Amino acid sequence: MSLITNNTRVMQMALSTVGSDIFKQPITIVGAISVLLVMDWKFTLVHADSLSNVFAAASRLRFKRARKAVQNEQEGMAEMVVTMQETFAGIRVIKSFAREAHQERNLSAAIKRSFPR
């Protein structure tokens, strides 16, 4: 249940973000390279190789951080969904032992861990 919920939400967010970036970033890169070529084309061509290596390293680092952030977010969401499922499944037991306040605190804590500010 949590896997389906998380993957659907993450894919929706990724598609909406990537969709806008696909159009913005190439225009920015082409514009910046054009300005550099106009300013000093010899310098730009000599340093193009080293700049591409820097950009590749920065991209790898960014994707690694993004992958870790998504994984942490999915784990937090999974914990929250499990807590919700346990609460809903055991609602009669919780009520019979008057544990509503305790379960509410547990669920609030899981939600806060899932969505840090």
N, C-alpha and C. Protein backbone atom coordinates (compact mmCIF):
# COMPACT_ATOMS: atom_id res chain seq x y z
N MET A 1 0.82 -1.19 0.00
CA MET A 1 0.00 0.00 0.00
C MET A 1 0.87 1.26 0.00
N SER A 2 1.86 1.30 0.89
CA SER A 2 2.72 2.48 0.96
C SER A 2 3.62 2.59 -0.26
N LEU A 3 4.06 1.46 -0.80
CA LEU A 3 4.91 1.49 -1.99
C LEU A 3 4.17 2.13 -3.16
N ILE A 4 2.94 1.74 -3.36
CA ILE A 4 2.14 2.30 -4.46
C ILE A 4 1.90 3.78 -4.22
N THR A 5 1.55 4.15 -3.00
CA THR A 5 1.30 5.55 -2.67
C THR A 5 2.54 6.39 -2.91
N ASN A 6 3.66 5.93 -2.42
CA ASN A 6 4.90 6.70 -2.55
C ASN A 6 5.36 6.83 -3.99
N ASN A 7 5.40 5.72 -4.70
CA ASN A 7 5.90 5.77 -6.07
C ASN A 7 5.03 6.64 -6.96
N THR A 8 3.73 6.58 -6.77
CA THR A 8 2.84 7.41 -7.57
C THR A 8 3.07 8.89 -7.29
N ARG A 9 3.18 9.24 -6.03
CA ARG A 9 3.39 10.64 -5.65
C ARG A 9 4.74 11.15 -6.14
N VAL A 10 5.78 10.35 -5.98
CA VAL A 10 7.12 10.76 -6.40
C VAL A 10 7.18 10.93 -7.91
N MET A 11 6.60 10.01 -8.63
CA MET A 11 6.61 10.12 -10.10
C MET A 11 5.83 11.35 -10.56
N GLN A 12 4.73 11.64 -9.92
CA GLN A 12 3.94 12.82 -10.29
C GLN A 12 4.75 14.09 -10.05
N MET A 13 5.41 14.18 -8.92
CA MET A 13 6.22 15.36 -8.62
C MET A 13 7.40 15.46 -9.59
N ALA A 14 8.04 14.33 -9.87
CA ALA A 14 9.20 14.35 -10.76
C ALA A 14 8.81 14.78 -12.17
N LEU A 15 7.70 14.25 -12.67
CA LEU A 15 7.28 14.61 -14.02
C LEU A 15 6.91 16.08 -14.14
N SER A 16 6.28 16.62 -13.13
CA SER A 16 5.91 18.04 -13.21
C SER A 16 7.14 18.93 -13.12
N THR A 17 8.11 18.56 -12.30
CA THR A 17 9.33 19.36 -12.17
C THR A 17 10.22 19.20 -13.39
N VAL A 18 10.43 17.97 -13.82
CA VAL A 18 11.30 17.71 -14.96
C VAL A 18 10.70 18.28 -16.24
N GLY A 19 9.39 18.24 -16.35
CA GLY A 19 8.74 18.76 -17.55
C GLY A 19 9.07 20.22 -17.79
N SER A 20 9.07 21.02 -16.74
CA SER A 20 9.39 22.44 -16.92
C SER A 20 10.89 22.64 -17.10
N ASP A 21 11.71 21.84 -16.44
CA ASP A 21 13.17 22.00 -16.57
C ASP A 21 13.68 21.59 -17.94
N ILE A 22 13.02 20.64 -18.57
CA ILE A 22 13.47 20.18 -19.89
C ILE A 22 13.47 21.34 -20.89
N PHE A 23 12.54 22.25 -20.76
CA PHE A 23 12.47 23.37 -21.69
C PHE A 23 13.34 24.54 -21.25
N LYS A 24 13.47 24.77 -19.96
CA LYS A 24 14.22 25.92 -19.47
C LYS A 24 15.73 25.75 -19.60
N GLN A 25 16.24 24.62 -19.16
CA GLN A 25 17.69 24.43 -19.07
C GLN A 25 18.41 24.45 -20.41
N PRO A 26 17.94 23.77 -21.45
CA PRO A 26 18.67 23.83 -22.72
C PRO A 26 18.77 25.24 -23.29
N ILE A 27 17.72 26.00 -23.14
CA ILE A 27 17.74 27.38 -23.65
C ILE A 27 18.79 28.19 -22.88
N THR A 28 18.86 28.00 -21.58
CA THR A 28 19.84 28.72 -20.76
C THR A 28 21.26 28.31 -21.14
N ILE A 29 21.50 27.02 -21.32
CA ILE A 29 22.84 26.54 -21.66
C ILE A 29 23.26 27.04 -23.03
N VAL A 30 22.39 26.93 -24.01
CA VAL A 30 22.72 27.40 -25.36
C VAL A 30 22.98 28.91 -25.35
N GLY A 31 22.18 29.65 -24.61
CA GLY A 31 22.39 31.10 -24.51
C GLY A 31 23.72 31.44 -23.87
N ALA A 32 24.07 30.74 -22.79
CA ALA A 32 25.34 31.01 -22.11
C ALA A 32 26.53 30.67 -22.99
N ILE A 33 26.47 29.55 -23.70
CA ILE A 33 27.57 29.17 -24.60
C ILE A 33 27.69 30.17 -25.74
N SER A 34 26.56 30.63 -26.24
CA SER A 34 26.59 31.63 -27.32
C SER A 34 27.26 32.92 -26.86
N VAL A 35 26.92 33.38 -25.66
CA VAL A 35 27.54 34.60 -25.12
C VAL A 35 29.03 34.39 -24.95
N LEU A 36 29.44 33.22 -24.43
CA LEU A 36 30.86 32.95 -24.25
C LEU A 36 31.59 32.92 -25.58
N LEU A 37 30.99 32.31 -26.60
CA LEU A 37 31.62 32.27 -27.92
C LEU A 37 31.76 33.67 -28.52
N VAL A 38 30.77 34.51 -28.33
CA VAL A 38 30.84 35.87 -28.84
C VAL A 38 31.92 36.67 -28.10
N MET A 39 32.02 36.48 -26.79
CA MET A 39 32.99 37.24 -26.00
C MET A 39 34.43 36.85 -26.36
N ASP A 40 34.71 35.54 -26.36
CA ASP A 40 36.07 35.07 -26.69
C ASP A 40 35.98 33.61 -27.13
N TRP A 41 35.89 33.39 -28.41
CA TRP A 41 35.65 32.05 -28.91
C TRP A 41 36.84 31.11 -28.71
N LYS A 42 38.06 31.64 -28.76
CA LYS A 42 39.25 30.80 -28.57
C LYS A 42 39.30 30.27 -27.13
N PHE A 43 39.10 31.17 -26.18
CA PHE A 43 39.12 30.78 -24.77
C PHE A 43 38.01 29.76 -24.48
N THR A 44 36.84 29.98 -25.05
CA THR A 44 35.70 29.09 -24.83
C THR A 44 35.99 27.69 -25.37
N LEU A 45 36.56 27.61 -26.57
CA LEU A 45 36.85 26.29 -27.15
C LEU A 45 37.96 25.56 -26.39
N VAL A 46 38.96 26.30 -25.92
CA VAL A 46 40.05 25.67 -25.17
C VAL A 46 39.54 25.10 -23.85
N HIS A 47 38.65 25.80 -23.20
CA HIS A 47 38.18 25.38 -21.88
C HIS A 47 36.88 24.58 -21.90
N ALA A 48 36.35 24.31 -23.06
CA ALA A 48 35.09 23.56 -23.17
C ALA A 48 35.21 22.17 -22.57
N ASP A 49 36.34 21.51 -22.78
CA ASP A 49 36.52 20.15 -22.27
C ASP A 49 36.54 20.14 -20.74
N SER A 50 37.29 21.05 -20.14
CA SER A 50 37.35 21.07 -18.68
C SER A 50 36.00 21.46 -18.08
N LEU A 51 35.27 22.36 -18.74
CA LEU A 51 33.96 22.75 -18.25
C LEU A 51 32.97 21.59 -18.32
N SER A 52 33.07 20.80 -19.38
CA SER A 52 32.15 19.65 -19.49
C SER A 52 32.40 18.65 -18.37
N ASN A 53 33.68 18.46 -17.99
CA ASN A 53 33.98 17.55 -16.88
C ASN A 53 33.44 18.09 -15.56
N VAL A 54 33.53 19.39 -15.36
CA VAL A 54 33.01 20.00 -14.14
C VAL A 54 31.49 19.84 -14.09
N PHE A 55 30.82 20.10 -15.21
CA PHE A 55 29.37 19.96 -15.26
C PHE A 55 28.93 18.51 -15.03
N ALA A 56 29.68 17.57 -15.59
CA ALA A 56 29.34 16.16 -15.41
C ALA A 56 29.48 15.75 -13.94
N ALA A 57 30.55 16.20 -13.29
CA ALA A 57 30.75 15.87 -11.88
C ALA A 57 29.66 16.50 -11.02
N ALA A 58 29.29 17.74 -11.32
CA ALA A 58 28.24 18.41 -10.56
C ALA A 58 26.90 17.70 -10.75
N SER A 59 26.63 17.24 -11.95
CA SER A 59 25.37 16.54 -12.22
C SER A 59 25.32 15.22 -11.46
N ARG A 60 26.42 14.48 -11.46
CA ARG A 60 26.45 13.21 -10.72
C ARG A 60 26.20 13.44 -9.24
N LEU A 61 26.83 14.47 -8.68
CA LEU A 61 26.65 14.78 -7.26
C LEU A 61 25.21 15.17 -6.97
N ARG A 62 24.63 15.98 -7.84
CA ARG A 62 23.24 16.41 -7.64
C ARG A 62 22.28 15.23 -7.71
N PHE A 63 22.49 14.34 -8.68
CA PHE A 63 21.59 13.19 -8.81
C PHE A 63 21.75 12.24 -7.63
N LYS A 64 22.96 12.10 -7.11
CA LYS A 64 23.17 11.23 -5.95
C LYS A 64 22.43 11.79 -4.74
N ARG A 65 22.52 13.11 -4.53
CA ARG A 65 21.81 13.73 -3.41
C ARG A 65 20.31 13.63 -3.59
N ALA A 66 19.85 13.84 -4.81
CA ALA A 66 18.41 13.77 -5.07
C ALA A 66 17.89 12.35 -4.83
N ARG A 67 18.64 11.36 -5.27
CA ARG A 67 18.23 9.97 -5.08
C ARG A 67 18.14 9.64 -3.60
N LYS A 68 19.11 10.12 -2.81
CA LYS A 68 19.09 9.86 -1.36
C LYS A 68 17.91 10.57 -0.70
N ALA A 69 17.64 11.81 -1.13
CA ALA A 69 16.52 12.55 -0.55
C ALA A 69 15.19 11.87 -0.85
N VAL A 70 15.03 11.37 -2.08
CA VAL A 70 13.80 10.68 -2.45
C VAL A 70 13.65 9.39 -1.64
N GLN A 71 14.76 8.68 -1.46
CA GLN A 71 14.71 7.44 -0.69
C GLN A 71 14.32 7.73 0.76
N ASN A 72 14.89 8.77 1.35
CA ASN A 72 14.53 9.12 2.72
C ASN A 72 13.07 9.54 2.83
N GLU A 73 12.60 10.27 1.83
CA GLU A 73 11.20 10.70 1.84
C GLU A 73 10.27 9.49 1.72
N GLN A 74 10.62 8.55 0.89
CA GLN A 74 9.79 7.35 0.74
C GLN A 74 9.77 6.53 2.02
N GLU A 75 10.90 6.43 2.69
CA GLU A 75 10.93 5.68 3.95
C GLU A 75 10.05 6.35 5.01
N GLY A 76 10.11 7.67 5.07
CA GLY A 76 9.27 8.39 6.03
C GLY A 76 7.80 8.23 5.72
N MET A 77 7.45 8.30 4.43
CA MET A 77 6.06 8.14 4.02
C MET A 77 5.59 6.71 4.31
N ALA A 78 6.45 5.74 4.09
CA ALA A 78 6.08 4.36 4.37
C ALA A 78 5.80 4.17 5.86
N GLU A 79 6.63 4.78 6.70
CA GLU A 79 6.41 4.68 8.15
C GLU A 79 5.07 5.30 8.54
N MET A 80 4.75 6.43 7.93
CA MET A 80 3.48 7.10 8.23
C MET A 80 2.29 6.25 7.79
N VAL A 81 2.39 5.66 6.60
CA VAL A 81 1.29 4.84 6.10
C VAL A 81 1.11 3.59 6.95
N VAL A 82 2.21 2.99 7.38
CA VAL A 82 2.12 1.81 8.26
C VAL A 82 1.45 2.18 9.57
N THR A 83 1.81 3.32 10.14
CA THR A 83 1.19 3.76 11.39
C THR A 83 -0.30 3.99 11.19
N MET A 84 -0.66 4.62 10.07
CA MET A 84 -2.08 4.85 9.79
C MET A 84 -2.82 3.53 9.62
N GLN A 85 -2.22 2.60 8.90
CA GLN A 85 -2.87 1.32 8.66
C GLN A 85 -3.08 0.56 9.97
N GLU A 86 -2.06 0.55 10.83
CA GLU A 86 -2.20 -0.12 12.12
C GLU A 86 -3.28 0.55 12.97
N THR A 87 -3.32 1.87 12.93
CA THR A 87 -4.32 2.60 13.71
C THR A 87 -5.72 2.27 13.24
N PHE A 88 -5.93 2.31 11.92
CA PHE A 88 -7.27 2.04 11.38
C PHE A 88 -7.67 0.58 11.57
N ALA A 89 -6.72 -0.33 11.44
CA ALA A 89 -7.04 -1.75 11.60
C ALA A 89 -7.37 -2.09 13.05
N GLY A 90 -6.72 -1.41 14.00
CA GLY A 90 -6.94 -1.74 15.40
C GLY A 90 -7.76 -0.71 16.14
N ILE A 91 -8.66 -0.03 15.44
CA ILE A 91 -9.42 1.07 16.05
C ILE A 91 -10.26 0.59 17.24
N ARG A 92 -10.81 -0.60 17.16
CA ARG A 92 -11.63 -1.10 18.27
C ARG A 92 -10.78 -1.40 19.50
N VAL A 93 -9.61 -1.95 19.28
CA VAL A 93 -8.71 -2.25 20.40
C VAL A 93 -8.23 -0.94 21.03
N ILE A 94 -7.90 0.02 20.20
CA ILE A 94 -7.44 1.32 20.70
C ILE A 94 -8.52 1.97 21.55
N LYS A 95 -9.75 1.93 21.05
CA LYS A 95 -10.85 2.54 21.82
C LYS A 95 -11.13 1.77 23.10
N SER A 96 -11.05 0.44 23.04
CA SER A 96 -11.37 -0.34 24.23
C SER A 96 -10.36 -0.10 25.36
N PHE A 97 -9.13 0.20 25.02
CA PHE A 97 -8.12 0.47 26.04
C PHE A 97 -7.89 1.98 26.25
N ALA A 98 -8.71 2.81 25.64
CA ALA A 98 -8.63 4.27 25.77
C ALA A 98 -7.23 4.78 25.40
N ARG A 99 -6.74 4.33 24.25
CA ARG A 99 -5.40 4.69 23.80
C ARG A 99 -5.43 5.69 22.64
N GLU A 100 -6.54 6.42 22.49
CA GLU A 100 -6.67 7.35 21.38
C GLU A 100 -5.58 8.43 21.40
N ALA A 101 -5.35 9.01 22.56
CA ALA A 101 -4.34 10.08 22.67
C ALA A 101 -2.95 9.56 22.32
N HIS A 102 -2.65 8.34 22.78
CA HIS A 102 -1.34 7.74 22.49
C HIS A 102 -1.17 7.52 20.99
N GLN A 103 -2.18 6.97 20.34
CA GLN A 103 -2.11 6.73 18.89
C GLN A 103 -2.04 8.05 18.12
N GLU A 104 -2.74 9.05 18.61
CA GLU A 104 -2.69 10.35 17.93
C GLU A 104 -1.28 10.94 17.99
N ARG A 105 -0.62 10.79 19.14
CA ARG A 105 0.77 11.26 19.26
C ARG A 105 1.69 10.48 18.32
N ASN A 106 1.50 9.16 18.26
CA ASN A 106 2.32 8.34 17.37
C ASN A 106 2.15 8.74 15.91
N LEU A 107 0.90 8.95 15.50
CA LEU A 107 0.63 9.34 14.12
C LEU A 107 1.19 10.73 13.83
N SER A 108 1.03 11.65 14.74
CA SER A 108 1.58 13.01 14.55
C SER A 108 3.10 12.96 14.42
N ALA A 109 3.74 12.15 15.24
CA ALA A 109 5.20 12.02 15.17
C ALA A 109 5.63 11.42 13.83
N ALA A 110 4.90 10.42 13.36
CA ALA A 110 5.23 9.80 12.07
C ALA A 110 5.05 10.80 10.93
N ILE A 111 4.01 11.61 11.00
CA ILE A 111 3.79 12.62 9.96
C ILE A 111 4.89 13.67 9.99
N LYS A 112 5.29 14.09 11.17
CA LYS A 112 6.37 15.08 11.27
C LYS A 112 7.68 14.55 10.75
N ARG A 113 7.98 13.25 11.01
CA ARG A 113 9.20 12.67 10.47
C ARG A 113 9.12 12.53 8.97
N SER A 114 7.92 12.31 8.45
CA SER A 114 7.75 12.13 7.02
C SER A 114 7.87 13.43 6.25
N PHE A 115 7.45 14.53 6.85
CA PHE A 115 7.48 15.83 6.18
C PHE A 115 8.26 16.84 7.02
N PRO A 116 9.60 16.72 7.06
CA PRO A 116 10.38 17.68 7.84
C PRO A 116 10.33 19.07 7.21
N ARG A 117 10.44 20.06 8.03
CA ARG A 117 10.41 21.44 7.50
C ARG A 117 11.77 21.96 7.26
